[in-house]
Amino acid sequence: MSGGWETSLPWAVRLAGLAGVLLLAVAGTALWRRWALRRGILDLPVARSSHAEPVPRGAGVAIALAILLGLVLLGEDSDRQDGLLASIALAAMLGLMDDLRPLPVVRKLAGQGLAALPLALAFPLPSALLPFDDLPPGLTVLGSLGLGVLFMNAWNFMDGINGIAAGAASAVALAGLGAAALGLATPGLLAAALLAACLGFLPFNAPRARVFMGDCGSHALGIALAALLLQSRTPAEAGVLLAAAAPFLVDVLGTLVQRARDREPLGTAHRRHLYQRLVRSGYSHGSVAAAYAAWMAGNGLVVAMIEAGTGQGIAAAIGVGLLTLLAWTWLSDRTERRLAGQGGG
């Protein structure tokens, strides 16, 4: 299986299948919400929470099932697809376990590695992500494993306000589909199924959250996005996807560096991500989530258009990445100063 949608299915069947993915996400989310309310599977607000009332969690089950169904029904049968399906399923199950009964950090990290392993074996780091082609096979598998764990944690850490995780995943998928529309990549089933599943979930989560995806959803989205990147056929396609994901990755890694610099225990909960600071500064969940989605889609589409027009997509991706880092640094410093002045720390 590749990043392209290479089955012989007519376009009408493909579109009907994607409509089914969206409807399954809608119905599954609604059913899970009702069941979670009856069973008391609720996210209770604590000091660091961005919500004030108990909200059902774990509805990412619907997202994961919708993506898996779309891939099974519309994708070709291959060992590589089996690895992708296995990793999405394992990542979702690990997240659901954590939603139902929180796991210790070390056990959760080990579980993430196991969940990413089938994907890493099926999709070792492609040449599109490497500056050279002679990397030993074991290292390419290890690199894919690390990428899968990184994306799972990125979407897990950033899933803290209404709409942000599903909106951001939609933005990355949209950037990938935009690159395909410009002729830079083959239209991707995974990107289309991911977008449809997120769009089915979002009405329940934004602007007001009636349900949370939980770790089940953030893990499934993270590993699916890592798979999208690992399926890249050209450096330009990889550059589009990395540029789109950059705001999330920079926020996660930059915040980790800041906390290590300030000697904070890295395993403890916190509210230092930029998106959290923006909400604490007075911006609404909806405006912050929409800003991230626009930022991410814009990053990817800018790189795609520059590649299509000039062939300088790699340079554009590097430039967009640096601009993202500079913007994040400036905004982080500004919001930190604002919160300090308000006594919010």
Protein backbone atom coordinates (compact mmCIF):
# COMPACT_ATOMS: atom_id res chain seq x y z
CA MET A 1 0.00 0.00 0.00
CA SER A 2 1.29 3.44 -0.82
CA GLY A 3 0.24 6.95 -0.10
CA GLY A 4 -1.87 6.90 -3.26
CA TRP A 5 -5.39 5.65 -3.80
CA GLU A 6 -4.62 3.08 -6.45
CA THR A 7 -7.66 0.81 -6.36
CA SER A 8 -9.80 0.47 -9.47
CA LEU A 9 -12.95 1.61 -7.68
CA PRO A 10 -15.04 4.22 -9.54
CA TRP A 11 -14.99 7.70 -8.06
CA ALA A 12 -18.70 7.46 -7.20
CA VAL A 13 -17.96 4.40 -5.05
CA ARG A 14 -15.01 6.15 -3.39
CA LEU A 15 -17.09 9.21 -2.55
CA ALA A 16 -19.92 7.03 -1.22
CA GLY A 17 -17.40 5.19 0.92
CA LEU A 18 -16.05 8.44 2.36
CA ALA A 19 -19.60 9.59 3.08
CA GLY A 20 -19.99 6.33 4.98
CA VAL A 21 -16.83 7.08 6.97
CA LEU A 22 -18.23 10.49 7.92
CA LEU A 23 -21.64 9.05 8.88
CA LEU A 24 -20.04 6.29 10.94
CA ALA A 25 -18.02 8.90 12.83
CA VAL A 26 -21.19 10.92 13.48
CA ALA A 27 -23.27 7.94 14.60
CA GLY A 28 -20.43 6.35 16.56
CA THR A 29 -19.68 9.55 18.45
CA ALA A 30 -23.35 10.05 19.34
CA LEU A 31 -23.73 6.46 20.53
CA TRP A 32 -20.50 6.55 22.53
CA ARG A 33 -21.54 9.79 24.21
CA ARG A 34 -24.85 8.26 25.30
CA TRP A 35 -23.15 5.10 26.57
CA ALA A 36 -20.38 7.01 28.38
CA LEU A 37 -22.94 9.19 30.16
CA ARG A 38 -24.77 6.09 31.39
CA ARG A 39 -21.54 4.42 32.54
CA GLY A 40 -20.05 7.54 34.12
CA ILE A 41 -17.00 7.62 31.80
CA LEU A 42 -16.43 11.32 32.33
CA ASP A 43 -13.52 13.75 32.18
CA LEU A 44 -13.82 15.58 35.48
CA PRO A 45 -12.38 19.12 35.58
CA VAL A 46 -9.21 19.68 37.63
CA ALA A 47 -7.02 22.71 38.23
CA ARG A 48 -5.26 22.47 34.84
CA SER A 49 -8.42 21.65 32.84
CA SER A 50 -9.82 23.93 30.18
CA HIS A 51 -13.40 22.79 30.86
CA ALA A 52 -15.56 23.51 33.90
CA GLU A 53 -18.09 20.64 33.76
CA PRO A 54 -17.78 16.83 33.47
CA VAL A 55 -17.67 15.74 29.82
CA PRO A 56 -17.90 12.17 28.43
CA ARG A 57 -14.55 10.99 27.10
CA GLY A 58 -13.27 8.22 24.86
CA ALA A 59 -15.32 9.05 21.75
CA GLY A 60 -12.17 8.67 19.69
CA VAL A 61 -13.37 5.07 19.35
CA ALA A 62 -15.71 6.35 16.64
CA ILE A 63 -12.89 8.17 14.84
CA ALA A 64 -10.63 5.11 14.87
CA LEU A 65 -13.38 2.74 13.71
CA ALA A 66 -14.42 5.11 10.91
CA ILE A 67 -10.85 5.40 9.61
CA LEU A 68 -10.29 1.64 9.83
CA LEU A 69 -13.53 0.86 8.03
CA GLY A 70 -12.69 3.28 5.24
CA LEU A 71 -9.25 1.73 4.76
CA VAL A 72 -10.61 -1.83 4.80
CA LEU A 73 -13.46 -1.20 2.37
CA LEU A 74 -11.75 1.19 -0.03
CA GLY A 75 -8.06 0.27 0.12
CA GLU A 76 -6.18 -2.53 -1.58
CA ASP A 77 -5.30 -5.67 0.35
CA SER A 78 -1.60 -5.86 1.15
CA ASP A 79 0.85 -6.60 3.94
CA ARG A 80 1.64 -2.90 4.16
CA GLN A 81 -2.01 -2.05 4.70
CA ASP A 82 -2.17 -4.72 7.41
CA GLY A 83 0.64 -2.96 9.26
CA LEU A 84 -1.15 0.38 9.02
CA LEU A 85 -4.45 -1.09 10.20
CA ALA A 86 -2.77 -2.90 13.09
CA SER A 87 -1.02 0.24 14.33
CA ILE A 88 -4.17 2.38 14.20
CA ALA A 89 -6.14 -0.32 16.04
CA LEU A 90 -3.42 -0.87 18.67
CA ALA A 91 -2.93 2.87 19.23
CA ALA A 92 -6.68 3.36 19.69
CA MET A 93 -6.94 0.41 22.10
CA LEU A 94 -4.01 1.70 24.16
CA GLY A 95 -5.62 5.12 24.34
CA LEU A 96 -8.97 3.63 25.31
CA MET A 97 -7.32 1.68 28.12
CA ASP A 98 -5.84 4.94 29.38
CA ASP A 99 -9.24 6.67 29.08
CA LEU A 100 -10.93 3.99 31.16
CA ARG A 101 -8.11 3.58 33.69
CA PRO A 102 -5.07 5.89 33.46
CA LEU A 103 -1.81 4.06 32.79
CA PRO A 104 1.59 4.85 34.36
CA VAL A 105 3.76 6.98 32.08
CA VAL A 106 6.39 4.29 31.44
CA ARG A 107 3.79 1.63 30.64
CA LYS A 108 1.96 4.02 28.32
CA LEU A 109 5.18 4.91 26.48
CA ALA A 110 6.03 1.23 26.06
CA GLY A 111 2.53 0.63 24.74
CA GLN A 112 2.97 3.44 22.22
CA GLY A 113 6.15 1.79 20.96
CA LEU A 114 4.37 -1.53 20.51
CA ALA A 115 1.45 0.19 18.76
CA ALA A 116 3.81 1.95 16.32
CA LEU A 117 5.82 -1.20 15.56
CA PRO A 118 3.59 -2.72 12.83
CA LEU A 119 3.56 0.62 11.01
CA ALA A 120 7.34 0.95 11.33
CA LEU A 121 7.88 -2.53 9.91
CA ALA A 122 5.49 -1.87 7.03
CA PHE A 123 6.74 1.65 6.31
CA PRO A 124 10.43 2.18 7.19
CA LEU A 125 11.57 5.78 6.77
CA PRO A 126 11.23 6.53 3.05
CA SER A 127 13.92 8.21 1.01
CA ALA A 128 11.65 11.28 0.84
CA LEU A 129 12.42 11.88 4.51
CA LEU A 130 16.14 11.14 4.28
CA PRO A 131 19.02 13.27 2.98
CA PHE A 132 20.78 10.05 1.91
CA ASP A 133 19.73 6.57 0.79
CA ASP A 134 22.21 4.25 2.50
CA LEU A 135 20.73 4.21 6.02
CA PRO A 136 20.74 0.65 7.43
CA PRO A 137 17.30 -1.01 7.36
CA GLY A 138 17.21 -1.33 11.15
CA LEU A 139 17.64 2.41 11.55
CA THR A 140 14.89 3.21 9.06
CA VAL A 141 12.50 1.02 11.06
CA LEU A 142 13.65 2.66 14.30
CA GLY A 143 13.15 6.08 12.74
CA SER A 144 9.58 5.23 11.73
CA LEU A 145 8.94 3.88 15.22
CA GLY A 146 10.15 7.14 16.75
CA LEU A 147 8.04 9.16 14.33
CA GLY A 148 4.94 7.20 15.26
CA VAL A 149 5.53 7.71 18.99
CA LEU A 150 6.26 11.41 18.44
CA PHE A 151 3.01 12.03 16.55
CA MET A 152 0.93 10.05 19.05
CA ASN A 153 2.30 12.12 21.90
CA ALA A 154 2.03 15.38 19.97
CA TRP A 155 -1.69 14.91 19.33
CA ASN A 156 -2.19 13.59 22.86
CA PHE A 157 -0.47 16.56 24.51
CA MET A 158 -2.20 19.11 22.28
CA ASP A 159 -5.70 17.70 22.78
CA GLY A 160 -6.60 20.10 25.58
CA ILE A 161 -9.26 22.43 24.22
CA ASN A 162 -12.40 21.99 22.17
CA GLY A 163 -11.82 21.13 18.54
CA ILE A 164 -8.06 21.53 18.41
CA ALA A 165 -6.88 17.94 17.84
CA ALA A 166 -9.49 16.98 15.23
CA GLY A 167 -9.23 20.40 13.57
CA ALA A 168 -5.45 20.14 13.34
CA ALA A 169 -5.57 16.60 11.95
CA SER A 170 -8.11 17.79 9.38
CA ALA A 171 -5.76 20.62 8.40
CA VAL A 172 -2.82 18.27 7.81
CA ALA A 173 -5.02 15.90 5.79
CA LEU A 174 -6.36 18.85 3.79
CA ALA A 175 -2.81 20.01 3.04
CA GLY A 176 -1.97 16.52 1.79
CA LEU A 177 -5.04 16.47 -0.44
CA GLY A 178 -4.20 19.97 -1.64
CA ALA A 179 -0.76 18.75 -2.68
CA ALA A 180 -2.44 15.94 -4.62
CA ALA A 181 -4.76 18.43 -6.34
CA LEU A 182 -1.68 20.37 -7.48
CA GLY A 183 -0.16 17.20 -8.92
CA LEU A 184 2.53 16.82 -6.24
CA ALA A 185 1.18 13.57 -4.82
CA THR A 186 -1.25 10.81 -5.67
CA PRO A 187 -4.66 11.36 -4.03
CA GLY A 188 -4.47 9.54 -0.72
CA LEU A 189 -7.14 7.30 0.77
CA LEU A 190 -5.72 7.69 4.26
CA ALA A 191 -5.84 11.50 4.08
CA ALA A 192 -9.42 11.41 2.76
CA ALA A 193 -10.62 8.91 5.39
CA LEU A 194 -8.86 10.86 8.13
CA LEU A 195 -10.51 14.10 7.04
CA ALA A 196 -13.98 12.49 6.80
CA ALA A 197 -13.69 10.90 10.26
CA CYS A 198 -12.58 14.17 11.87
CA LEU A 199 -15.38 16.12 10.20
CA GLY A 200 -17.87 13.62 11.57
CA PHE A 201 -16.55 14.05 15.11
CA LEU A 202 -16.01 17.82 15.19
CA PRO A 203 -19.68 18.93 15.58
CA PHE A 204 -19.74 17.10 18.93
CA ASN A 205 -16.52 18.71 20.12
CA ALA A 206 -16.58 22.30 18.87
CA PRO A 207 -17.30 25.05 19.58
CA ARG A 208 -18.88 23.53 22.73
CA ALA A 209 -17.64 20.11 23.78
CA ARG A 210 -20.40 17.57 24.31
CA VAL A 211 -17.81 14.79 24.22
CA PHE A 212 -14.01 14.40 24.22
CA MET A 213 -12.08 12.07 21.92
CA GLY A 214 -9.77 11.10 24.77
CA ASP A 215 -6.45 9.35 24.36
CA CYS A 216 -8.18 6.79 22.14
CA GLY A 217 -8.80 9.46 19.52
CA SER A 218 -5.56 11.41 19.89
CA HIS A 219 -3.49 8.23 19.63
CA ALA A 220 -5.38 7.05 16.54
CA LEU A 221 -5.02 10.44 14.87
CA GLY A 222 -1.33 10.68 15.75
CA ILE A 223 -0.40 7.30 14.33
CA ALA A 224 -2.54 7.89 11.22
CA LEU A 225 -0.77 11.20 10.58
CA ALA A 226 2.62 9.55 11.06
CA ALA A 227 1.54 6.96 8.49
CA LEU A 228 0.51 9.73 6.11
CA LEU A 229 4.01 11.17 6.34
CA LEU A 230 5.70 7.77 6.01
CA GLN A 231 3.79 7.14 2.78
CA SER A 232 5.35 10.22 1.13
CA ARG A 233 6.86 9.47 -2.25
CA THR A 234 8.79 12.67 -2.80
CA PRO A 235 10.63 15.15 -0.56
CA ALA A 236 8.16 17.85 -1.65
CA GLU A 237 5.17 15.80 -0.48
CA ALA A 238 6.90 15.12 2.84
CA GLY A 239 7.72 18.82 3.12
CA VAL A 240 4.07 19.78 2.70
CA LEU A 241 2.98 17.41 5.48
CA LEU A 242 5.79 18.39 7.84
CA ALA A 243 5.09 22.09 7.30
CA ALA A 244 1.42 21.48 8.07
CA ALA A 245 2.22 19.55 11.25
CA ALA A 246 4.91 22.04 12.35
CA PRO A 247 2.75 24.20 14.69
CA PHE A 248 1.82 21.14 16.78
CA LEU A 249 5.32 19.64 16.72
CA VAL A 250 6.97 22.96 17.59
CA ASP A 251 4.49 23.58 20.42
CA VAL A 252 5.15 20.15 21.92
CA LEU A 253 8.93 20.09 21.54
CA GLY A 254 9.39 23.78 22.35
CA THR A 255 7.34 23.50 25.52
CA LEU A 256 9.34 20.43 26.53
CA VAL A 257 12.57 22.42 26.12
CA GLN A 258 11.17 25.32 28.15
CA ARG A 259 10.10 23.04 30.97
CA ALA A 260 13.47 21.24 31.00
CA ARG A 261 15.21 24.64 31.07
CA ASP A 262 13.12 25.67 34.07
CA ARG A 263 13.80 22.31 35.73
CA GLU A 264 10.16 21.31 35.93
CA PRO A 265 9.41 17.60 36.42
CA LEU A 266 8.59 16.56 32.86
CA GLY A 267 6.18 13.84 33.92
CA THR A 268 3.80 16.21 35.71
CA ALA A 269 0.75 17.91 34.24
CA HIS A 270 1.09 21.54 33.19
CA ARG A 271 -0.53 24.41 31.26
CA ARG A 272 2.45 25.82 29.38
CA HIS A 273 1.62 24.94 25.79
CA LEU A 274 0.99 28.01 23.66
CA TYR A 275 -2.62 27.02 23.00
CA GLN A 276 -3.22 26.78 26.77
CA ARG A 277 -1.62 30.17 27.37
CA LEU A 278 -3.77 31.73 24.67
CA VAL A 279 -6.95 30.39 26.28
CA ARG A 280 -5.82 31.56 29.70
CA SER A 281 -5.13 34.97 28.17
CA GLY A 282 -8.80 35.30 27.29
CA TYR A 283 -9.17 33.83 23.79
CA SER A 284 -11.99 31.33 23.27
CA HIS A 285 -11.44 27.64 22.60
CA GLY A 286 -13.00 28.03 19.18
CA SER A 287 -10.81 30.92 18.11
CA VAL A 288 -7.59 29.23 19.26
CA ALA A 289 -8.49 25.88 17.66
CA ALA A 290 -9.49 27.62 14.42
CA ALA A 291 -6.25 29.64 14.43
CA TYR A 292 -4.16 26.48 14.76
CA ALA A 293 -6.10 24.73 11.99
CA ALA A 294 -5.72 27.73 9.68
CA TRP A 295 -2.02 28.04 10.57
CA MET A 296 -1.39 24.38 9.80
CA ALA A 297 -3.40 24.20 6.59
CA GLY A 298 -1.84 27.48 5.46
CA ASN A 299 1.69 26.19 6.11
CA GLY A 300 1.11 23.08 4.04
CA LEU A 301 -0.69 24.75 1.17
CA VAL A 302 1.91 27.52 0.89
CA VAL A 303 4.65 24.92 0.52
CA ALA A 304 2.55 23.00 -2.01
CA MET A 305 1.91 26.09 -4.12
CA ILE A 306 5.57 27.13 -4.07
CA GLU A 307 6.61 23.63 -5.13
CA ALA A 308 4.01 23.60 -7.91
CA GLY A 309 5.06 27.03 -9.14
CA THR A 310 8.82 27.04 -8.73
CA GLY A 311 9.96 23.57 -7.71
CA GLN A 312 11.44 25.01 -4.51
CA GLY A 313 9.17 23.14 -2.11
CA ILE A 314 11.98 21.84 0.10
CA ALA A 315 13.41 25.33 0.64
CA ALA A 316 9.87 26.57 1.26
CA ALA A 317 9.25 23.84 3.84
CA ILE A 318 12.43 24.75 5.69
CA GLY A 319 11.51 28.43 5.60
CA VAL A 320 7.97 27.77 6.80
CA GLY A 321 9.34 25.60 9.61
CA LEU A 322 11.68 28.36 10.76
CA LEU A 323 8.91 30.95 10.58
CA THR A 324 6.69 28.65 12.63
CA LEU A 325 9.40 28.36 15.28
CA LEU A 326 9.89 32.13 15.36
CA ALA A 327 6.14 32.79 15.58
CA TRP A 328 5.73 30.23 18.36
CA THR A 329 8.66 31.71 20.32
CA TRP A 330 7.32 35.26 19.99
CA LEU A 331 3.76 34.30 20.90
CA SER A 332 4.91 32.15 23.82
CA ASP A 333 6.99 35.00 25.23
CA ARG A 334 4.19 37.51 24.73
CA THR A 335 1.52 35.37 26.38
CA GLU A 336 3.83 34.42 29.24
CA ARG A 337 4.50 38.09 29.96
CA ARG A 338 0.79 38.89 29.71
CA LEU A 339 -0.16 36.13 32.12
CA ALA A 340 2.59 37.14 34.54
CA GLY A 341 1.24 40.68 34.50
CA GLN A 342 -2.23 39.33 35.27
CA GLY A 343 -0.89 37.15 38.05
CA GLY A 344 -1.68 34.02 36.07
CA GLY A 345 1.92 32.79 35.87
